[in-house]
Amino acid sequence: SQFARIEFKYGKIGKATRVTTAILSEDGKVLSRKVAFFGYDKRGNLNRARNDEGQSIRLDFDLDGRIVRLRDNRRHDLSMGSACFTADSRGPHPLAIAMAPP
């Protein structure tokens, strides 16, 4: 059996800036580890995310806090239709963003 240990590091505005997920064996040995980093704009909107594999995404927002542009780590604009958002029922911001394969 395997277990996951998730550690969160929070920034000054109280939002996660780093999330580390470790997969552990039954005896507690780390089998794998993934790290994701997050950044926010002055309004607290998630505006960048990066994983430890070098994949990243940037988000631009309009004045009402709606996502208007997505860019990948090569600064290519991504179609909003190619993104899958996991919504937060408490507000308009996504909990997760996954890109469809090219």
N, C-alpha and C. Protein backbone atom coordinates (compact mmCIF):
# COMPACT_ATOMS: atom_id res chain seq x y z
N SER A 1 0.83 -1.18 0.00
CA SER A 1 0.00 0.00 0.00
C SER A 1 0.88 1.25 0.00
N GLN A 2 0.38 2.30 -0.60
CA GLN A 2 1.11 3.57 -0.66
C GLN A 2 0.26 4.67 -0.04
N PHE A 3 0.94 5.68 0.44
CA PHE A 3 0.28 6.82 1.06
C PHE A 3 0.84 8.10 0.48
N ALA A 4 0.04 9.15 0.54
CA ALA A 4 0.50 10.46 0.07
C ALA A 4 0.65 11.40 1.27
N ARG A 5 1.73 12.17 1.26
CA ARG A 5 1.92 13.23 2.25
C ARG A 5 2.00 14.54 1.47
N ILE A 6 1.14 15.48 1.81
CA ILE A 6 1.09 16.75 1.11
C ILE A 6 1.46 17.86 2.09
N GLU A 7 2.45 18.65 1.71
CA GLU A 7 2.90 19.75 2.55
C GLU A 7 2.66 21.07 1.82
N PHE A 8 2.14 22.04 2.55
CA PHE A 8 1.84 23.35 1.99
C PHE A 8 2.73 24.41 2.64
N LYS A 9 3.23 25.33 1.82
CA LYS A 9 3.93 26.51 2.33
C LYS A 9 3.11 27.71 1.87
N TYR A 10 2.82 28.60 2.81
CA TYR A 10 1.96 29.75 2.53
C TYR A 10 2.76 31.04 2.51
N GLY A 11 2.36 31.97 1.63
CA GLY A 11 2.99 33.27 1.53
C GLY A 11 2.34 34.29 2.44
N LYS A 12 2.75 35.53 2.27
CA LYS A 12 2.28 36.63 3.12
C LYS A 12 0.79 36.86 3.03
N ILE A 13 0.18 36.56 1.87
CA ILE A 13 -1.26 36.80 1.73
C ILE A 13 -2.10 35.59 2.14
N GLY A 14 -1.45 34.57 2.69
CA GLY A 14 -2.18 33.41 3.19
C GLY A 14 -2.56 32.38 2.14
N LYS A 15 -1.95 32.46 0.96
CA LYS A 15 -2.24 31.50 -0.09
C LYS A 15 -1.01 30.62 -0.32
N ALA A 16 -1.26 29.41 -0.78
CA ALA A 16 -0.17 28.45 -0.98
C ALA A 16 0.80 28.94 -2.05
N THR A 17 2.08 28.94 -1.73
CA THR A 17 3.11 29.31 -2.69
C THR A 17 3.92 28.09 -3.12
N ARG A 18 3.83 27.03 -2.35
CA ARG A 18 4.54 25.78 -2.68
C ARG A 18 3.75 24.61 -2.12
N VAL A 19 3.56 23.60 -2.94
CA VAL A 19 2.89 22.37 -2.51
C VAL A 19 3.78 21.20 -2.89
N THR A 20 4.14 20.42 -1.90
CA THR A 20 4.98 19.24 -2.12
C THR A 20 4.14 18.00 -1.84
N THR A 21 4.09 17.10 -2.80
CA THR A 21 3.37 15.85 -2.65
C THR A 21 4.37 14.71 -2.70
N ALA A 22 4.42 13.93 -1.64
CA ALA A 22 5.32 12.79 -1.58
C ALA A 22 4.48 11.51 -1.51
N ILE A 23 4.86 10.53 -2.30
CA ILE A 23 4.24 9.20 -2.23
C ILE A 23 5.15 8.34 -1.36
N LEU A 24 4.55 7.77 -0.31
CA LEU A 24 5.31 7.00 0.67
C LEU A 24 4.91 5.54 0.66
N SER A 25 5.87 4.69 0.92
CA SER A 25 5.58 3.26 1.10
C SER A 25 5.00 3.07 2.50
N GLU A 26 4.56 1.86 2.79
CA GLU A 26 3.97 1.57 4.11
C GLU A 26 4.95 1.87 5.24
N ASP A 27 6.24 1.66 4.99
CA ASP A 27 7.23 1.91 6.04
C ASP A 27 7.73 3.35 6.07
N GLY A 28 7.11 4.23 5.29
CA GLY A 28 7.43 5.65 5.32
C GLY A 28 8.52 6.10 4.37
N LYS A 29 9.03 5.19 3.53
CA LYS A 29 10.06 5.55 2.57
C LYS A 29 9.44 6.37 1.43
N VAL A 30 10.11 7.46 1.06
CA VAL A 30 9.61 8.31 -0.03
C VAL A 30 9.88 7.61 -1.36
N LEU A 31 8.82 7.30 -2.08
CA LEU A 31 8.92 6.64 -3.38
C LEU A 31 9.03 7.64 -4.51
N SER A 32 8.33 8.76 -4.38
CA SER A 32 8.40 9.84 -5.38
C SER A 32 7.97 11.14 -4.73
N ARG A 33 8.38 12.23 -5.35
CA ARG A 33 8.05 13.55 -4.81
C ARG A 33 7.81 14.50 -5.99
N LYS A 34 6.79 15.31 -5.87
CA LYS A 34 6.47 16.34 -6.86
C LYS A 34 6.29 17.66 -6.13
N VAL A 35 6.78 18.74 -6.75
CA VAL A 35 6.67 20.06 -6.15
C VAL A 35 6.03 21.01 -7.15
N ALA A 36 5.11 21.83 -6.67
CA ALA A 36 4.48 22.86 -7.49
C ALA A 36 4.62 24.20 -6.78
N PHE A 37 4.87 25.25 -7.55
CA PHE A 37 5.06 26.59 -7.03
C PHE A 37 3.98 27.50 -7.59
N PHE A 38 3.49 28.44 -6.78
CA PHE A 38 2.40 29.31 -7.18
C PHE A 38 2.72 30.77 -6.85
N GLY A 39 2.27 31.67 -7.72
CA GLY A 39 2.44 33.10 -7.49
C GLY A 39 1.12 33.81 -7.71
N TYR A 40 0.98 34.98 -7.10
CA TYR A 40 -0.28 35.71 -7.10
C TYR A 40 -0.06 37.18 -7.45
N ASP A 41 -1.06 37.80 -8.04
CA ASP A 41 -0.98 39.23 -8.32
C ASP A 41 -1.39 40.02 -7.07
N LYS A 42 -1.40 41.34 -7.18
CA LYS A 42 -1.70 42.20 -6.04
C LYS A 42 -3.11 42.01 -5.50
N ARG A 43 -4.00 41.49 -6.35
CA ARG A 43 -5.40 41.26 -5.93
C ARG A 43 -5.60 39.87 -5.35
N GLY A 44 -4.55 39.07 -5.33
CA GLY A 44 -4.65 37.72 -4.79
C GLY A 44 -5.04 36.67 -5.80
N ASN A 45 -5.10 37.04 -7.08
CA ASN A 45 -5.42 36.07 -8.13
C ASN A 45 -4.19 35.22 -8.43
N LEU A 46 -4.37 33.94 -8.59
CA LEU A 46 -3.29 33.06 -9.02
C LEU A 46 -2.86 33.49 -10.42
N ASN A 47 -1.62 33.94 -10.58
CA ASN A 47 -1.21 34.40 -11.91
C ASN A 47 -0.05 33.60 -12.49
N ARG A 48 0.49 32.66 -11.73
CA ARG A 48 1.52 31.78 -12.29
C ARG A 48 1.61 30.51 -11.46
N ALA A 49 1.91 29.44 -12.16
CA ALA A 49 2.11 28.14 -11.53
C ALA A 49 3.20 27.42 -12.28
N ARG A 50 4.04 26.69 -11.54
CA ARG A 50 5.14 25.96 -12.15
C ARG A 50 5.34 24.66 -11.38
N ASN A 51 5.67 23.60 -12.11
CA ASN A 51 5.98 22.35 -11.43
C ASN A 51 7.48 22.08 -11.51
N ASP A 52 7.92 21.05 -10.83
CA ASP A 52 9.35 20.74 -10.78
C ASP A 52 9.87 20.11 -12.07
N GLU A 53 8.99 19.90 -13.04
CA GLU A 53 9.41 19.39 -14.35
C GLU A 53 9.60 20.53 -15.35
N GLY A 54 9.43 21.77 -14.90
CA GLY A 54 9.64 22.92 -15.76
C GLY A 54 8.41 23.39 -16.51
N GLN A 55 7.29 22.73 -16.33
CA GLN A 55 6.06 23.17 -16.98
C GLN A 55 5.49 24.34 -16.18
N SER A 56 5.02 25.34 -16.91
CA SER A 56 4.45 26.49 -16.20
C SER A 56 3.31 27.09 -17.00
N ILE A 57 2.54 27.89 -16.31
CA ILE A 57 1.42 28.59 -16.92
C ILE A 57 1.32 29.95 -16.26
N ARG A 58 0.95 30.95 -17.04
CA ARG A 58 0.69 32.30 -16.53
C ARG A 58 -0.74 32.67 -16.88
N LEU A 59 -1.38 33.38 -15.99
CA LEU A 59 -2.76 33.79 -16.19
C LEU A 59 -2.84 35.30 -16.08
N ASP A 60 -3.60 35.92 -16.98
CA ASP A 60 -3.89 37.35 -16.91
C ASP A 60 -5.37 37.52 -16.63
N PHE A 61 -5.70 38.55 -15.86
CA PHE A 61 -7.07 38.79 -15.44
C PHE A 61 -7.54 40.17 -15.88
N ASP A 62 -8.85 40.30 -16.09
CA ASP A 62 -9.41 41.62 -16.33
C ASP A 62 -9.68 42.30 -14.98
N LEU A 63 -10.21 43.50 -15.00
CA LEU A 63 -10.43 44.25 -13.76
C LEU A 63 -11.47 43.61 -12.84
N ASP A 64 -12.31 42.71 -13.40
CA ASP A 64 -13.30 42.01 -12.59
C ASP A 64 -12.78 40.68 -12.06
N GLY A 65 -11.50 40.38 -12.30
CA GLY A 65 -10.90 39.16 -11.78
C GLY A 65 -11.16 37.92 -12.62
N ARG A 66 -11.60 38.10 -13.87
CA ARG A 66 -11.85 36.95 -14.75
C ARG A 66 -10.60 36.67 -15.58
N ILE A 67 -10.33 35.40 -15.79
CA ILE A 67 -9.18 35.01 -16.60
C ILE A 67 -9.43 35.41 -18.05
N VAL A 68 -8.49 36.15 -18.63
CA VAL A 68 -8.63 36.58 -20.02
C VAL A 68 -7.52 36.04 -20.92
N ARG A 69 -6.46 35.52 -20.32
CA ARG A 69 -5.36 35.01 -21.13
C ARG A 69 -4.57 33.97 -20.36
N LEU A 70 -4.19 32.91 -21.08
CA LEU A 70 -3.32 31.86 -20.54
C LEU A 70 -2.09 31.76 -21.42
N ARG A 71 -0.92 31.63 -20.80
CA ARG A 71 0.32 31.45 -21.56
C ARG A 71 1.11 30.31 -20.93
N ASP A 72 1.76 29.53 -21.79
CA ASP A 72 2.60 28.44 -21.27
C ASP A 72 4.02 28.93 -21.03
N ASN A 73 4.90 28.02 -20.62
CA ASN A 73 6.27 28.40 -20.28
C ASN A 73 7.09 28.88 -21.49
N ARG A 74 6.59 28.66 -22.68
CA ARG A 74 7.25 29.18 -23.89
C ARG A 74 6.63 30.49 -24.33
N ARG A 75 5.77 31.04 -23.48
CA ARG A 75 5.07 32.31 -23.73
C ARG A 75 4.10 32.22 -24.90
N HIS A 76 3.64 31.02 -25.22
CA HIS A 76 2.61 30.84 -26.24
C HIS A 76 1.25 31.05 -25.60
N ASP A 77 0.40 31.79 -26.29
CA ASP A 77 -0.98 31.93 -25.82
C ASP A 77 -1.69 30.59 -26.00
N LEU A 78 -2.45 30.24 -25.00
CA LEU A 78 -3.20 29.00 -25.03
C LEU A 78 -4.67 29.32 -25.20
N SER A 79 -5.34 28.51 -25.96
CA SER A 79 -6.77 28.68 -26.15
C SER A 79 -7.49 28.36 -24.85
N MET A 80 -8.42 29.21 -24.46
CA MET A 80 -9.21 28.93 -23.26
C MET A 80 -9.96 27.62 -23.42
N GLY A 81 -10.25 27.24 -24.66
CA GLY A 81 -10.96 25.98 -24.90
C GLY A 81 -10.09 24.76 -24.67
N SER A 82 -8.75 24.95 -24.62
CA SER A 82 -7.86 23.81 -24.39
C SER A 82 -7.57 23.60 -22.91
N ALA A 83 -8.12 24.47 -22.06
CA ALA A 83 -7.89 24.35 -20.63
C ALA A 83 -9.11 23.77 -19.94
N CYS A 84 -8.85 22.93 -18.98
CA CYS A 84 -9.92 22.34 -18.17
C CYS A 84 -9.77 22.88 -16.75
N PHE A 85 -10.77 23.61 -16.27
CA PHE A 85 -10.71 24.22 -14.95
C PHE A 85 -11.51 23.40 -13.96
N THR A 86 -10.95 23.18 -12.78
CA THR A 86 -11.68 22.60 -11.67
C THR A 86 -12.14 23.77 -10.81
N ALA A 87 -13.44 23.95 -10.73
CA ALA A 87 -13.99 25.15 -10.09
C ALA A 87 -14.04 25.04 -8.57
N ASP A 88 -14.04 26.20 -7.95
CA ASP A 88 -14.20 26.32 -6.51
C ASP A 88 -15.62 26.82 -6.27
N SER A 89 -16.42 26.07 -5.56
CA SER A 89 -17.81 26.45 -5.36
C SER A 89 -17.94 27.71 -4.50
N ARG A 90 -16.86 28.11 -3.82
CA ARG A 90 -16.91 29.30 -2.97
C ARG A 90 -16.59 30.58 -3.72
N GLY A 91 -16.17 30.48 -4.98
CA GLY A 91 -15.82 31.70 -5.70
C GLY A 91 -15.48 31.40 -7.14
N PRO A 92 -15.08 32.44 -7.89
CA PRO A 92 -14.86 32.31 -9.33
C PRO A 92 -13.49 31.78 -9.71
N HIS A 93 -12.65 31.45 -8.76
CA HIS A 93 -11.28 31.08 -9.08
C HIS A 93 -11.11 29.58 -9.19
N PRO A 94 -10.29 29.15 -10.14
CA PRO A 94 -10.08 27.70 -10.31
C PRO A 94 -9.22 27.11 -9.20
N LEU A 95 -9.51 25.87 -8.86
CA LEU A 95 -8.67 25.12 -7.94
C LEU A 95 -7.56 24.42 -8.69
N ALA A 96 -7.83 24.04 -9.92
CA ALA A 96 -6.84 23.33 -10.73
C ALA A 96 -7.06 23.68 -12.19
N ILE A 97 -5.98 23.69 -12.95
CA ILE A 97 -6.05 23.94 -14.38
C ILE A 97 -5.25 22.83 -15.06
N ALA A 98 -5.86 22.14 -15.98
CA ALA A 98 -5.17 21.09 -16.74
C ALA A 98 -5.28 21.43 -18.22
N MET A 99 -4.20 21.27 -18.92
CA MET A 99 -4.20 21.57 -20.36
C MET A 99 -4.42 20.28 -21.15
N ALA A 100 -5.25 20.38 -22.16
CA ALA A 100 -5.48 19.24 -23.04
C ALA A 100 -4.20 18.97 -23.84
N PRO A 101 -3.90 17.71 -24.12
CA PRO A 101 -2.70 17.42 -24.92
C PRO A 101 -2.82 18.00 -26.32
N PRO A 102 -1.67 18.42 -26.91
CA PRO A 102 -1.73 19.02 -28.25
C PRO A 102 -2.17 18.03 -29.32
